[in-house]
Amino acid sequence: MILERGGNDSFNIAAITEVDANGNPSKFGNLINVNKDTGIWGNSGINISTSVFQNQSNWNAPKLTTTLGGQNIHGIFAGLFHSKWYCNYGSLIKLEK
């Protein structure tokens, strides 16, 4: 499951198809683009505010740098049903390359 604040970012994803003897991913499926403009992010209805902490090498500890207003959490479930399909809140949706 991929969760994102606001549901307004695109991303790329690929299935891990093989791991090496140490359990590290060694082969991957085709890279699939999930474009923010397709409207496929599912809105959870859960609204959160976010505090952003940053740390610089010359600081003694992380500092609160800003607090962002509330945004809904959106999500996508990426399943292995078929190489070009995924399930989003119970609906199968075809991914286009």
Protein backbone atom coordinates (compact mmCIF):
# COMPACT_ATOMS: atom_id res chain seq x y z
CA MET A 1 0.00 0.00 0.00
CA ILE A 2 1.28 3.45 -0.91
CA LEU A 3 -0.11 6.31 1.20
CA GLU A 4 0.39 9.95 0.27
CA ARG A 5 -0.63 13.23 1.85
CA GLY A 6 -2.95 15.00 -0.58
CA GLY A 7 -2.82 12.25 -3.23
CA ASN A 8 -1.24 14.63 -5.71
CA ASP A 9 2.14 13.09 -6.53
CA SER A 10 3.13 10.76 -9.35
CA PHE A 11 5.51 7.86 -8.73
CA ASN A 12 7.06 4.83 -10.42
CA ILE A 13 6.83 1.28 -9.08
CA ALA A 14 8.17 -2.14 -10.09
CA ALA A 15 7.63 -5.61 -8.65
CA ILE A 16 10.60 -7.42 -7.13
CA THR A 17 10.81 -10.65 -9.16
CA GLU A 18 13.95 -12.20 -7.67
CA VAL A 19 16.11 -11.92 -4.58
CA ASP A 20 19.74 -12.98 -4.09
CA ALA A 21 21.10 -15.38 -1.46
CA ASN A 22 21.18 -12.52 1.10
CA GLY A 23 17.52 -11.65 0.52
CA ASN A 24 18.32 -8.45 -1.41
CA PRO A 25 16.27 -7.61 -4.53
CA SER A 26 18.22 -8.62 -7.64
CA LYS A 27 15.64 -8.50 -10.47
CA PHE A 28 12.63 -6.29 -11.04
CA GLY A 29 9.54 -6.26 -13.24
CA ASN A 30 8.71 -3.48 -15.66
CA LEU A 31 8.70 0.03 -14.21
CA ILE A 32 5.13 1.36 -14.11
CA ASN A 33 4.30 5.05 -13.81
CA VAL A 34 1.35 5.99 -11.59
CA ASN A 35 0.53 9.47 -12.83
CA LYS A 36 -1.05 11.96 -10.43
CA ASP A 37 -3.34 13.25 -13.20
CA THR A 38 -5.22 9.94 -13.66
CA GLY A 39 -7.30 10.48 -10.52
CA ILE A 40 -6.57 7.00 -9.19
CA TRP A 41 -5.55 7.96 -5.64
CA GLY A 42 -8.27 6.79 -3.24
CA ASN A 43 -9.25 9.35 -0.58
CA SER A 44 -9.22 7.78 2.90
CA GLY A 45 -11.19 10.62 4.47
CA ILE A 46 -8.51 10.80 7.18
CA ASN A 47 -7.15 14.32 7.61
CA ILE A 48 -3.81 14.96 9.33
CA SER A 49 -1.60 17.93 10.03
CA THR A 50 2.15 17.45 9.61
CA SER A 51 5.08 18.83 11.57
CA VAL A 52 8.35 18.96 9.61
CA PHE A 53 11.62 18.42 11.45
CA GLN A 54 15.01 18.94 9.80
CA ASN A 55 18.55 18.31 10.92
CA GLN A 56 21.69 19.98 9.61
CA SER A 57 25.22 18.73 10.24
CA ASN A 58 25.98 21.84 12.33
CA TRP A 59 22.86 21.47 14.54
CA ASN A 60 22.89 19.63 17.88
CA ALA A 61 19.47 18.04 17.25
CA PRO A 62 16.58 18.08 14.77
CA LYS A 63 14.50 21.27 14.81
CA LEU A 64 10.85 21.90 14.03
CA THR A 65 10.98 23.97 10.83
CA THR A 66 7.30 24.23 9.89
CA THR A 67 3.82 22.87 10.57
CA LEU A 68 1.67 22.16 7.53
CA GLY A 69 -2.10 22.46 7.50
CA GLY A 70 -4.34 19.42 7.35
CA GLN A 71 -4.53 17.29 4.22
CA ASN A 72 -6.41 14.08 3.51
CA ILE A 73 -4.40 10.88 3.21
CA HIS A 74 -4.90 9.12 -0.13
CA GLY A 75 -3.77 5.61 -0.97
CA ILE A 76 -3.24 2.97 -3.62
CA PHE A 77 -2.89 -0.78 -3.08
CA ALA A 78 -0.38 -2.23 -5.53
CA GLY A 79 -1.10 -5.94 -5.88
CA LEU A 80 0.31 -8.68 -8.08
CA PHE A 81 -2.95 -9.62 -9.76
CA HIS A 82 -1.60 -9.02 -13.26
CA SER A 83 1.42 -7.09 -14.45
CA LYS A 84 -0.73 -4.24 -15.78
CA TRP A 85 -3.43 -4.18 -13.09
CA TYR A 86 -3.62 -3.12 -9.47
CA CYS A 87 -6.37 -2.97 -6.88
CA ASN A 88 -7.45 0.39 -5.45
CA TYR A 89 -9.98 0.18 -2.60
CA GLY A 90 -11.48 -3.02 -4.00
CA SER A 91 -11.65 -1.91 -7.66
CA LEU A 92 -9.34 -3.36 -10.29
CA ILE A 93 -7.86 -0.60 -12.41
CA LYS A 94 -5.71 -1.04 -15.52
CA LEU A 95 -2.37 0.79 -15.59
CA GLU A 96 -1.40 2.29 -18.92
CA LYS A 97 2.24 2.69 -19.87
